Amino acid sequence: MSKIQGVKSLLEHLESVNYPISEDQLHEYLAKRKIPHKKSYGGTIFFDLAHIDWWIAEQRKTESAT
């Protein structure tokens, strides 16, 4: 299970898999709990890459259905 830490790292990952979003959009998703993540007690945000890749696939399904 591979994890990445922080918003900047996730934005780079999303760019690398051809699903770029803006930092503002990512913060909105985090605030609305629309993207899988975990927050440590220190406030650091962690993302499980398997969950993120699943989330991307779901977003693409939704986008292609509209």
C-alpha atoms as a PDB file:
ATOM      1  CA  MET A   1       0.000   0.000   0.000  1.00  0.00           C
ATOM      2  CA  SER A   2       1.730   3.128  -1.233  1.00  0.00           C
ATOM      3  CA  LYS A   3       1.014   6.484   0.364  1.00  0.00           C
ATOM      4  CA  ILE A   4       1.926  10.034  -0.415  1.00  0.00           C
ATOM      5  CA  GLN A   5       2.032  12.986   1.927  1.00  0.00           C
ATOM      6  CA  GLY A   6       0.765  16.484   1.343  1.00  0.00           C
ATOM      7  CA  VAL A   7      -1.250  18.410  -1.184  1.00  0.00           C
ATOM      8  CA  LYS A   8       1.699  19.251  -3.461  1.00  0.00           C
ATOM      9  CA  SER A   9       2.645  15.574  -3.789  1.00  0.00           C
ATOM     10  CA  LEU A  10      -0.922  14.625  -4.646  1.00  0.00           C
ATOM     11  CA  LEU A  11      -1.154  17.381  -7.259  1.00  0.00           C
ATOM     12  CA  GLU A  12       2.044  16.048  -8.856  1.00  0.00           C
ATOM     13  CA  HIS A  13       0.635  12.506  -8.850  1.00  0.00           C
ATOM     14  CA  LEU A  14      -2.634  13.650 -10.429  1.00  0.00           C
ATOM     15  CA  GLU A  15      -0.681  15.483 -13.123  1.00  0.00           C
ATOM     16  CA  SER A  16       1.431  12.364 -13.785  1.00  0.00           C
ATOM     17  CA  VAL A  17      -1.670  10.213 -14.365  1.00  0.00           C
ATOM     18  CA  ASN A  18      -3.234  12.819 -16.656  1.00  0.00           C
ATOM     19  CA  TYR A  19      -5.885  13.982 -14.184  1.00  0.00           C
ATOM     20  CA  PRO A  20      -4.721  17.492 -13.263  1.00  0.00           C
ATOM     21  CA  ILE A  21      -6.776  19.633 -10.910  1.00  0.00           C
ATOM     22  CA  SER A  22      -6.005  22.984  -9.338  1.00  0.00           C
ATOM     23  CA  GLU A  23      -4.823  23.361  -5.767  1.00  0.00           C
ATOM     24  CA  ASP A  24      -7.992  25.337  -4.989  1.00  0.00           C
ATOM     25  CA  GLN A  25     -10.146  22.544  -6.379  1.00  0.00           C
ATOM     26  CA  LEU A  26      -8.249  19.978  -4.303  1.00  0.00           C
ATOM     27  CA  HIS A  27      -8.744  22.035  -1.132  1.00  0.00           C
ATOM     28  CA  GLU A  28     -12.461  22.229  -1.924  1.00  0.00           C
ATOM     29  CA  TYR A  29     -12.608  18.433  -2.345  1.00  0.00           C
ATOM     30  CA  LEU A  30     -10.785  17.990   0.959  1.00  0.00           C
ATOM     31  CA  ALA A  31     -13.122  20.366   2.780  1.00  0.00           C
ATOM     32  CA  LYS A  32     -16.173  18.564   1.384  1.00  0.00           C
ATOM     33  CA  ARG A  33     -14.568  15.143   1.967  1.00  0.00           C
ATOM     34  CA  LYS A  34     -14.953  14.284  -1.726  1.00  0.00           C
ATOM     35  CA  ILE A  35     -11.469  12.790  -2.102  1.00  0.00           C
ATOM     36  CA  PRO A  36     -10.097   9.934   0.034  1.00  0.00           C
ATOM     37  CA  HIS A  37      -7.527  11.115   2.565  1.00  0.00           C
ATOM     38  CA  LYS A  38      -6.427  10.843   6.170  1.00  0.00           C
ATOM     39  CA  LYS A  39      -5.159  13.556   8.446  1.00  0.00           C
ATOM     40  CA  SER A  40      -2.650  12.940  11.196  1.00  0.00           C
ATOM     41  CA  TYR A  41      -2.896  14.585  14.594  1.00  0.00           C
ATOM     42  CA  GLY A  42      -0.266  17.056  13.427  1.00  0.00           C
ATOM     43  CA  GLY A  43      -2.477  18.086  10.519  1.00  0.00           C
ATOM     44  CA  THR A  44      -0.434  16.383   7.794  1.00  0.00           C
ATOM     45  CA  ILE A  45      -2.638  14.979   5.021  1.00  0.00           C
ATOM     46  CA  PHE A  46      -1.911  11.494   3.674  1.00  0.00           C
ATOM     47  CA  PHE A  47      -3.281   9.895   0.524  1.00  0.00           C
ATOM     48  CA  ASP A  48      -3.349   6.171  -0.224  1.00  0.00           C
ATOM     49  CA  LEU A  49      -2.472   5.840  -3.913  1.00  0.00           C
ATOM     50  CA  ALA A  50      -4.756   2.828  -4.414  1.00  0.00           C
ATOM     51  CA  HIS A  51      -7.695   4.865  -3.109  1.00  0.00           C
ATOM     52  CA  ILE A  52      -6.701   7.881  -5.185  1.00  0.00           C
ATOM     53  CA  ASP A  53      -6.432   5.769  -8.352  1.00  0.00           C
ATOM     54  CA  TRP A  54      -9.885   4.301  -7.597  1.00  0.00           C
ATOM     55  CA  TRP A  55     -11.242   7.827  -7.058  1.00  0.00           C
ATOM     56  CA  ILE A  56      -9.798   8.992 -10.394  1.00  0.00           C
ATOM     57  CA  ALA A  57     -11.422   6.045 -12.182  1.00  0.00           C
ATOM     58  CA  GLU A  58     -14.771   6.902 -10.576  1.00  0.00           C
ATOM     59  CA  GLN A  59     -14.434  10.573 -11.579  1.00  0.00           C
ATOM     60  CA  ARG A  60     -13.692   9.586 -15.164  1.00  0.00           C
ATOM     61  CA  LYS A  61     -16.766   7.298 -15.230  1.00  0.00           C
ATOM     62  CA  THR A  62     -18.928  10.150 -13.975  1.00  0.00           C
ATOM     63  CA  GLU A  63     -17.440  12.617 -16.454  1.00  0.00           C
ATOM     64  CA  SER A  64     -17.948  10.271 -19.414  1.00  0.00           C
ATOM     65  CA  ALA A  65     -21.573   9.604 -18.406  1.00  0.00           C
ATOM     66  CA  THR A  66     -22.503  13.289 -18.638  1.00  0.00           C
END
